[in-house]
Amino acid sequence: MKVWAYIFISTRHPRKVVQAIRTIPRVVKADAVFGTPMRLLL
C-alpha cells in the first residue's frame, strides 16, 4: 500500500534541515519554501 503525505515544518535553518530530511529513507522529495518558515516533505 502506498501512502502519500504532505508535512509542513518550521525551522530557522532551512538548508540544513532539508538536506537532513532528504537522507531519511522513503522520503521522496523535500523542498524549502523560502520567504516563509514552512518546509514541505513528500
N, C-alpha and C. Protein backbone atom coordinates (compact mmCIF):
# COMPACT_ATOMS: atom_id res chain seq x y z
N MET A 1 0.85 -1.17 0.00
CA MET A 1 0.00 0.00 0.00
C MET A 1 0.90 1.24 0.00
N LYS A 2 0.62 2.17 -0.90
CA LYS A 2 1.36 3.42 -0.95
C LYS A 2 0.61 4.50 -0.19
N VAL A 3 1.35 5.26 0.56
CA VAL A 3 0.75 6.38 1.31
C VAL A 3 1.54 7.63 0.96
N TRP A 4 0.83 8.69 0.59
CA TRP A 4 1.45 9.98 0.29
C TRP A 4 1.00 10.98 1.34
N ALA A 5 1.91 11.78 1.82
CA ALA A 5 1.56 12.76 2.83
C ALA A 5 2.39 14.03 2.63
N TYR A 6 1.77 15.15 2.86
CA TYR A 6 2.46 16.43 2.86
C TYR A 6 2.66 16.82 4.32
N ILE A 7 3.89 17.13 4.67
CA ILE A 7 4.19 17.50 6.05
C ILE A 7 4.87 18.86 6.03
N PHE A 8 4.36 19.78 6.82
CA PHE A 8 4.92 21.13 6.89
C PHE A 8 5.61 21.31 8.23
N ILE A 9 6.84 21.81 8.18
CA ILE A 9 7.58 22.09 9.41
C ILE A 9 8.14 23.51 9.35
N SER A 10 8.49 24.03 10.47
CA SER A 10 9.07 25.37 10.56
C SER A 10 10.47 25.25 11.14
N THR A 11 11.42 26.00 10.57
CA THR A 11 12.79 25.94 11.04
C THR A 11 13.53 27.25 10.76
N ARG A 12 14.55 27.48 11.52
CA ARG A 12 15.40 28.66 11.30
C ARG A 12 16.57 28.34 10.40
N HIS A 13 16.79 27.05 10.11
CA HIS A 13 17.93 26.61 9.29
C HIS A 13 17.42 25.75 8.13
N PRO A 14 16.73 26.37 7.17
CA PRO A 14 16.07 25.57 6.12
C PRO A 14 16.99 24.69 5.29
N ARG A 15 18.14 25.19 4.89
CA ARG A 15 19.02 24.37 4.04
C ARG A 15 19.52 23.13 4.77
N LYS A 16 19.95 23.29 6.00
CA LYS A 16 20.44 22.15 6.79
C LYS A 16 19.33 21.14 7.03
N VAL A 17 18.16 21.63 7.35
CA VAL A 17 17.04 20.73 7.64
C VAL A 17 16.61 19.97 6.39
N VAL A 18 16.51 20.65 5.26
CA VAL A 18 16.10 19.99 4.02
C VAL A 18 17.12 18.93 3.63
N GLN A 19 18.40 19.23 3.74
CA GLN A 19 19.43 18.25 3.42
C GLN A 19 19.34 17.03 4.34
N ALA A 20 19.08 17.25 5.60
CA ALA A 20 18.94 16.14 6.54
C ALA A 20 17.69 15.31 6.24
N ILE A 21 16.60 15.98 5.92
CA ILE A 21 15.35 15.27 5.64
C ILE A 21 15.49 14.40 4.40
N ARG A 22 16.22 14.87 3.40
CA ARG A 22 16.41 14.10 2.17
C ARG A 22 17.13 12.78 2.42
N THR A 23 17.86 12.66 3.52
CA THR A 23 18.57 11.41 3.81
C THR A 23 17.69 10.38 4.51
N ILE A 24 16.49 10.76 4.92
CA ILE A 24 15.57 9.83 5.59
C ILE A 24 15.03 8.83 4.57
N PRO A 25 15.11 7.54 4.86
CA PRO A 25 14.59 6.53 3.93
C PRO A 25 13.11 6.78 3.62
N ARG A 26 12.75 6.57 2.38
CA ARG A 26 11.38 6.68 1.85
C ARG A 26 10.87 8.11 1.69
N VAL A 27 11.70 9.11 1.98
CA VAL A 27 11.31 10.49 1.68
C VAL A 27 11.54 10.68 0.19
N VAL A 28 10.48 10.99 -0.54
CA VAL A 28 10.56 11.13 -1.98
C VAL A 28 11.11 12.50 -2.36
N LYS A 29 10.67 13.52 -1.66
CA LYS A 29 11.09 14.87 -2.01
C LYS A 29 11.01 15.76 -0.78
N ALA A 30 11.98 16.64 -0.65
CA ALA A 30 11.97 17.63 0.43
C ALA A 30 12.39 18.96 -0.18
N ASP A 31 11.58 19.97 -0.02
CA ASP A 31 11.85 21.29 -0.59
C ASP A 31 11.71 22.36 0.47
N ALA A 32 12.50 23.40 0.29
CA ALA A 32 12.38 24.57 1.15
C ALA A 32 11.59 25.63 0.41
N VAL A 33 10.68 26.25 1.10
CA VAL A 33 9.89 27.35 0.54
C VAL A 33 10.43 28.61 1.19
N PHE A 34 11.32 29.29 0.48
CA PHE A 34 11.96 30.47 1.05
C PHE A 34 10.98 31.64 1.05
N GLY A 35 11.12 32.48 2.05
CA GLY A 35 10.18 33.59 2.22
C GLY A 35 9.09 33.25 3.21
N THR A 36 9.02 31.99 3.57
CA THR A 36 8.09 31.51 4.58
C THR A 36 8.83 30.48 5.42
N PRO A 37 8.53 30.36 6.69
CA PRO A 37 9.25 29.41 7.53
C PRO A 37 8.84 27.95 7.33
N MET A 38 7.93 27.66 6.43
CA MET A 38 7.43 26.30 6.27
C MET A 38 8.28 25.52 5.27
N ARG A 39 8.38 24.19 5.49
CA ARG A 39 9.07 23.27 4.60
C ARG A 39 8.07 22.20 4.21
N LEU A 40 8.25 21.66 3.02
CA LEU A 40 7.31 20.66 2.51
C LEU A 40 8.04 19.35 2.27
N LEU A 41 7.49 18.25 2.77
CA LEU A 41 8.00 16.90 2.53
C LEU A 41 6.97 16.14 1.75
N LEU A 42 7.42 15.32 0.86
CA LEU A 42 6.50 14.47 0.10
C LEU A 42 7.13 13.11 -0.05
